[in-house]
């Protein structure tokens, strides 16, 4: 029996060796597999890296194209009843405000930016798109020259618009409305007025036109006042008072300080009127009956009227 036991022991040893061999074989097999996997991983990783590197450039190009498309977008707006340029500019979020709209549509609007009518088609954003195209192409000195020429042209148009506004920044005085003509003049006789004559001047403007303070001052009153409808009276530094009547909307209140050119309301046809306009007076007191020639007053402060 012991002899037999001696002959049996090598079997486990051979089994152990076979396991070792198998283990070694497994390791040997594993090593090439691991090496192959590593090689495969190295090969497949290089392509995604290049793809990842190319993605930002592709996204950037797409973003640039999207931005260019937005900047080149032109919107056509149809004027509605009660519209005016500053209102359209605010509602449509137009960069540059009403002056930008007027500049881009001057041919369609005409010489008076306040006289727009329902159904008029306005282009919003057209000039901005053209400017963007010029900027893209201006990579050479000739492009720079073209851009300079465009800027010069814009400056001239801006100067023309400011001239049309006839707002004198050097004197601190300006017109109460932009580009309007005078309908009924000062001291025109008539039985329709309780004093027997017209105590101010009427600027012919459609309802909704921006009314501006002619100079800096303090609002004395801003309320409805019988035949004058919605009116604002402002006291100025020289002791004189300006009155704005028949407004459809008031933008200031009594006691408020205003600056030259600041919006104080919108024109309308409230009170005793036959149609929309701005009745404008200059007074020596806040009250009716103390009127002086408003046109002469404005001209004495360097403002061109009519």
Protein backbone atom coordinates (compact mmCIF):
# COMPACT_ATOMS: atom_id res chain seq x y z
CA UNK A 1 0.00 0.00 0.00
CA UNK A 2 2.71 2.52 0.77
CA UNK A 3 4.37 1.57 -2.47
CA UNK A 4 1.18 2.20 -4.32
CA UNK A 5 0.78 5.50 -2.52
CA UNK A 6 4.19 6.54 -3.77
CA UNK A 7 3.15 5.82 -7.32
CA UNK A 8 -0.04 7.79 -6.91
CA UNK A 9 1.49 11.04 -5.70
CA UNK A 10 2.95 12.12 -9.04
CA UNK A 11 -0.55 12.29 -10.47
CA UNK A 12 -1.50 15.37 -8.49
CA UNK A 13 1.89 16.79 -9.36
CA UNK A 14 1.25 16.23 -13.03
CA UNK A 15 -2.21 17.72 -12.59
CA UNK A 16 -0.66 20.70 -10.85
CA UNK A 17 1.82 21.12 -13.63
CA UNK A 18 -0.92 20.86 -16.19
CA UNK A 19 -2.80 23.58 -14.36
CA UNK A 20 0.37 25.60 -14.25
CA UNK A 21 0.88 24.96 -17.89
CA UNK A 22 -2.70 25.77 -18.52
CA UNK A 23 -2.27 28.81 -16.36
CA UNK A 24 0.89 29.68 -18.16
CA UNK A 25 -0.81 28.98 -21.42
CA UNK A 26 -3.68 31.18 -20.32
CA UNK A 27 -1.24 33.90 -19.44
CA UNK A 28 0.57 33.36 -22.72
CA UNK A 29 -2.71 33.49 -24.55
CA UNK A 30 -3.83 36.49 -22.50
CA UNK A 31 -0.71 38.43 -23.28
CA UNK A 32 -1.17 38.38 -27.06
CA UNK A 33 -4.89 39.13 -26.58
CA UNK A 34 -4.04 42.08 -24.37
CA UNK A 35 -1.42 43.21 -26.83
CA UNK A 36 -3.87 42.88 -29.71
CA UNK A 37 -6.54 44.74 -27.78
CA UNK A 38 -4.09 47.50 -26.96
CA UNK A 39 -3.07 47.79 -30.59
CA UNK A 40 -6.69 47.86 -31.71
CA UNK A 41 -7.51 50.49 -29.10
CA UNK A 42 -4.61 52.64 -30.26
CA UNK A 43 -5.81 52.39 -33.84
CA UNK A 44 -9.48 53.22 -33.10
CA UNK A 45 -8.67 56.00 -30.62
CA UNK A 46 -6.77 58.10 -33.15
CA UNK A 47 -9.84 58.56 -35.41
CA UNK A 48 -12.22 59.82 -32.67
CA UNK A 49 -9.50 62.22 -31.44
CA UNK A 50 -9.34 63.80 -34.88
CA UNK A 51 -13.13 63.87 -35.04
CA UNK A 52 -13.34 65.53 -31.61
CA UNK A 53 -10.77 68.09 -32.68
CA UNK A 54 -12.77 68.88 -35.82
CA UNK A 55 -16.11 69.31 -33.99
CA UNK A 56 -15.41 72.79 -32.47
CA UNK A 57 -14.38 74.11 -35.88
CA UNK A 58 -17.55 72.71 -37.45
CA UNK A 59 -19.69 74.14 -34.65
CA UNK A 60 -17.93 77.51 -34.99
CA UNK A 61 -18.58 77.56 -38.73
CA UNK A 62 -22.24 76.69 -38.21
CA UNK A 63 -22.54 79.37 -35.52
CA UNK A 64 -20.96 81.97 -37.79
CA UNK A 65 -23.33 81.04 -40.62
CA UNK A 66 -26.29 81.27 -38.24
CA UNK A 67 -25.18 84.70 -36.99
CA UNK A 68 -24.69 85.93 -40.56
CA UNK A 69 -28.14 84.65 -41.49
CA UNK A 70 -29.69 86.51 -38.55
CA UNK A 71 -27.87 89.73 -39.36
CA UNK A 72 -28.96 89.49 -42.99
CA UNK A 73 -32.63 88.97 -42.09
CA UNK A 74 -34.91 91.74 -43.34
CA UNK A 75 -38.31 92.23 -41.73
CA UNK A 76 -41.11 94.05 -43.49
CA UNK A 77 -43.43 95.90 -41.11
CA UNK A 78 -46.85 97.21 -42.10
CA UNK A 79 -47.78 100.43 -40.32
CA UNK A 80 -50.98 100.24 -38.27
CA UNK A 81 -53.31 102.98 -37.08
CA UNK A 82 -51.79 104.79 -34.11
CA UNK A 83 -48.22 103.78 -35.00
CA UNK A 84 -45.31 106.18 -34.95
CA UNK A 85 -41.62 105.50 -35.59
CA UNK A 86 -40.42 105.57 -31.98
CA UNK A 87 -43.20 103.14 -30.99
CA UNK A 88 -42.33 100.77 -33.84
CA UNK A 89 -38.63 100.94 -32.97
CA UNK A 90 -39.35 100.02 -29.35
CA UNK A 91 -41.82 97.21 -30.10
CA UNK A 92 -39.66 95.67 -32.85
CA UNK A 93 -36.43 96.13 -30.85
CA UNK A 94 -34.71 98.10 -33.62
CA UNK A 95 -31.10 99.00 -32.88
CA UNK A 96 -30.64 102.70 -33.53
CA UNK A 97 -34.26 103.56 -32.70
CA UNK A 98 -36.67 105.52 -34.87
CA UNK A 99 -33.87 107.43 -36.59
CA UNK A 100 -32.52 104.11 -37.93
CA UNK A 101 -35.96 103.21 -39.31
CA UNK A 102 -36.32 106.66 -40.88
CA UNK A 103 -32.82 106.49 -42.38
CA UNK A 104 -33.51 103.07 -43.92
CA UNK A 105 -36.98 104.03 -45.24
CA UNK A 106 -36.55 107.72 -46.00
CA UNK A 107 -37.59 107.30 -49.62
CA UNK A 108 -40.86 105.62 -48.62
CA UNK A 109 -41.64 107.92 -45.67
CA UNK A 110 -40.67 111.22 -47.28
CA UNK A 111 -39.31 114.38 -45.71
CA UNK A 112 -41.40 114.24 -42.51
CA UNK A 113 -40.77 111.20 -40.27
CA UNK A 114 -43.93 112.00 -38.28
CA UNK A 115 -46.20 111.57 -41.29
CA UNK A 116 -46.57 107.81 -41.67
CA UNK A 117 -49.88 106.27 -42.63
CA UNK A 118 -51.51 102.88 -42.04
CA UNK A 119 -50.49 100.31 -44.65
CA UNK A 120 -47.05 101.84 -45.30
CA UNK A 121 -44.42 99.10 -45.63
CA UNK A 122 -41.20 99.64 -43.66
CA UNK A 123 -38.04 97.55 -43.97
CA UNK A 124 -36.43 96.77 -40.62
CA UNK A 125 -32.84 95.51 -40.66
CA UNK A 126 -32.01 96.01 -44.36
CA UNK A 127 -29.15 98.44 -43.82
CA UNK A 128 -27.75 96.30 -41.03
CA UNK A 129 -27.53 93.31 -43.40
CA UNK A 130 -25.79 95.37 -46.07
CA UNK A 131 -23.33 96.69 -43.52
CA UNK A 132 -22.55 93.13 -42.38
CA UNK A 133 -21.81 92.03 -45.96
CA UNK A 134 -19.49 94.99 -46.49
CA UNK A 135 -17.66 94.18 -43.27
CA UNK A 136 -17.13 90.55 -44.32
CA UNK A 137 -15.64 91.58 -47.64
CA UNK A 138 -13.44 94.35 -46.25
CA UNK A 139 -10.30 92.22 -45.83
CA UNK A 140 -8.24 94.34 -48.22
CA UNK A 141 -7.30 98.01 -48.25
CA UNK A 142 -9.99 98.66 -50.86
CA UNK A 143 -12.55 97.09 -48.52
CA UNK A 144 -11.36 99.37 -45.73
CA UNK A 145 -11.72 102.34 -48.06
CA UNK A 146 -15.26 101.23 -48.92
CA UNK A 147 -16.07 100.91 -45.22
CA UNK A 148 -14.72 104.41 -44.58
CA UNK A 149 -16.83 105.73 -47.44
CA UNK A 150 -19.89 104.00 -45.99
CA UNK A 151 -19.20 105.51 -42.56
CA UNK A 152 -18.82 108.94 -44.15
CA UNK A 153 -22.15 108.47 -45.96
CA UNK A 154 -23.84 107.40 -42.72
CA UNK A 155 -22.41 110.44 -40.94
CA UNK A 156 -23.81 112.70 -43.65
CA UNK A 157 -27.24 111.07 -43.40
CA UNK A 158 -27.10 111.39 -39.61
CA UNK A 159 -26.20 115.06 -39.94
CA UNK A 160 -29.09 115.56 -42.35
CA UNK A 161 -31.47 113.93 -39.87
CA UNK A 162 -30.20 116.12 -37.05
CA UNK A 163 -30.64 119.13 -39.29
CA UNK A 164 -34.22 118.06 -40.00
CA UNK A 165 -34.83 117.81 -36.26
CA UNK A 166 -33.57 121.42 -35.95
CA UNK A 167 -32.57 120.74 -32.38
CA UNK A 168 -29.94 123.22 -31.21
CA UNK A 169 -27.63 121.48 -28.75
CA UNK A 170 -25.45 124.59 -28.50
CA UNK A 171 -28.31 126.77 -27.23
CA UNK A 172 -30.21 124.09 -25.32
CA UNK A 173 -33.46 124.72 -27.21
CA UNK A 174 -35.29 122.77 -29.90
CA UNK A 175 -38.64 122.19 -31.56
CA UNK A 176 -41.45 120.44 -29.66
CA UNK A 177 -41.98 118.04 -32.61
CA UNK A 178 -39.70 116.80 -35.36
CA UNK A 179 -40.09 118.05 -38.93
CA UNK A 180 -43.67 119.31 -38.54
CA UNK A 181 -45.15 122.31 -40.33
CA UNK A 182 -47.25 125.03 -38.73
CA UNK A 183 -50.94 124.99 -39.57
CA UNK A 184 -52.59 127.86 -37.71
CA UNK A 185 -50.21 130.65 -36.76
CA UNK A 186 -50.00 132.93 -33.75
CA UNK A 187 -52.66 135.64 -33.25
CA UNK A 188 -54.81 134.52 -36.16
CA UNK A 189 -58.22 136.12 -35.52
CA UNK A 190 -61.34 134.00 -35.14
CA UNK A 191 -64.54 133.68 -33.13
CA UNK A 192 -63.74 130.06 -32.27
CA UNK A 193 -61.24 131.27 -29.67
CA UNK A 194 -62.47 132.88 -26.45
CA UNK A 195 -59.75 135.55 -26.66
CA UNK A 196 -60.71 136.36 -30.24
CA UNK A 197 -57.39 135.17 -31.59
CA UNK A 198 -55.13 132.09 -31.60
CA UNK A 199 -52.90 132.20 -28.53
CA UNK A 200 -50.24 129.85 -29.88
CA UNK A 201 -49.26 127.90 -33.00
CA UNK A 202 -50.53 124.54 -34.22
CA UNK A 203 -48.02 121.97 -35.43
CA UNK A 204 -49.67 119.58 -37.88
CA UNK A 205 -48.83 116.06 -36.69
CA UNK A 206 -50.74 112.77 -36.61
CA UNK A 207 -51.90 111.19 -33.37
CA UNK A 208 -49.09 109.41 -31.54
CA UNK A 209 -46.23 111.72 -32.57
CA UNK A 210 -43.60 112.23 -29.87
CA UNK A 211 -43.87 115.61 -28.13
CA UNK A 212 -40.62 116.93 -26.66
CA UNK A 213 -39.70 119.60 -24.13
CA UNK A 214 -38.22 122.59 -26.01
CA UNK A 215 -35.69 123.17 -23.20
CA UNK A 216 -34.77 122.00 -19.73
CA UNK A 217 -37.17 122.93 -16.98
CA UNK A 218 -39.66 121.82 -14.34
CA UNK A 219 -43.15 120.50 -15.09
CA UNK A 220 -45.71 122.84 -13.51
CA UNK A 221 -48.78 120.87 -14.58
CA UNK A 222 -49.55 117.70 -16.51
CA UNK A 223 -53.27 116.97 -16.63
CA UNK A 224 -56.52 117.34 -18.54
CA UNK A 225 -57.50 121.02 -18.88
CA UNK A 226 -60.87 121.53 -20.56
CA UNK A 227 -60.63 122.88 -24.12
CA UNK A 228 -56.88 122.18 -24.16
CA UNK A 229 -57.43 118.49 -23.42
CA UNK A 230 -54.34 116.73 -22.06
CA UNK A 231 -51.71 119.43 -21.59
CA UNK A 232 -48.27 119.93 -20.08
CA UNK A 233 -46.86 123.26 -18.86
CA UNK A 234 -43.11 123.60 -18.19
CA UNK A 235 -41.25 126.44 -16.47
CA UNK A 236 -37.82 127.20 -17.97
CA UNK A 237 -34.68 128.81 -16.56
CA UNK A 238 -35.46 132.21 -18.14
CA UNK A 239 -38.79 132.38 -16.27
CA UNK A 240 -40.92 131.68 -19.33
CA UNK A 241 -43.42 128.81 -19.64
CA UNK A 242 -44.08 126.47 -22.55
CA UNK A 243 -47.47 124.81 -23.02
CA UNK A 244 -48.27 121.65 -25.05
CA UNK A 245 -51.95 120.83 -25.58
CA UNK A 246 -54.39 118.26 -27.05
CA UNK A 247 -52.07 115.32 -26.32
CA UNK A 248 -53.31 111.74 -26.43
CA UNK A 249 -50.91 110.61 -23.73
CA UNK A 250 -48.86 112.28 -20.98
CA UNK A 251 -45.37 110.97 -20.15
CA UNK A 252 -44.47 113.33 -17.26
CA UNK A 253 -46.02 114.56 -14.02
CA UNK A 254 -46.08 117.83 -12.08
CA UNK A 255 -42.85 118.59 -10.23
CA UNK A 256 -40.72 116.47 -12.54
CA UNK A 257 -37.49 117.90 -13.99
CA UNK A 258 -37.08 117.45 -17.74
CA UNK A 259 -34.26 118.02 -20.23
CA UNK A 260 -34.30 119.54 -23.71
CA UNK A 261 -35.66 117.02 -26.22
CA UNK A 262 -37.11 114.70 -23.56
CA UNK A 263 -40.43 113.08 -24.45
CA UNK A 264 -43.27 114.55 -22.41
CA UNK A 265 -46.18 112.90 -24.22
CA UNK A 266 -47.78 111.94 -27.52
CA UNK A 267 -49.82 114.17 -29.82
CA UNK A 268 -53.54 113.65 -30.18
CA UNK A 269 -56.95 115.31 -30.51
CA UNK A 270 -58.21 115.71 -26.94
CA UNK A 271 -60.19 118.78 -25.88
CA UNK A 272 -61.75 121.28 -28.29
CA UNK A 273 -60.21 120.36 -31.67
CA UNK A 274 -61.18 119.58 -35.24
CA UNK A 275 -58.34 117.10 -35.77
CA UNK A 276 -55.03 115.85 -34.33
CA UNK A 277 -52.28 118.44 -33.86
CA UNK A 278 -50.06 120.00 -31.21
CA UNK A 279 -51.12 123.38 -29.85
CA UNK A 280 -47.97 125.09 -28.56
CA UNK A 281 -47.69 128.31 -26.54
CA UNK A 282 -45.05 130.38 -24.77
CA UNK A 283 -46.32 132.25 -21.72
CA UNK A 284 -44.97 134.66 -19.12
CA UNK A 285 -47.02 132.83 -16.46
CA UNK A 286 -48.43 129.29 -16.26
CA UNK A 287 -51.91 130.60 -17.07
CA UNK A 288 -54.03 131.34 -20.11
CA UNK A 289 -53.88 134.93 -21.36
CA UNK A 290 -50.15 135.54 -20.77
CA UNK A 291 -49.08 134.31 -24.21
CA UNK A 292 -46.21 135.71 -26.32
CA UNK A 293 -45.17 134.89 -29.89
CA UNK A 294 -43.86 131.28 -29.67
CA UNK A 295 -42.12 131.36 -33.05
CA UNK A 296 -40.21 134.55 -32.19
CA UNK A 297 -39.27 133.01 -28.84
CA UNK A 298 -37.84 129.85 -30.40
CA UNK A 299 -35.97 131.81 -33.05
CA UNK A 300 -34.44 134.04 -30.38
CA UNK A 301 -32.90 130.88 -28.94
CA UNK A 302 -31.42 129.77 -32.26
CA UNK A 303 -34.16 127.34 -33.32
CA UNK A 304 -35.24 127.30 -36.97
CA UNK A 305 -39.04 127.22 -37.29
CA UNK A 306 -40.97 126.70 -40.52
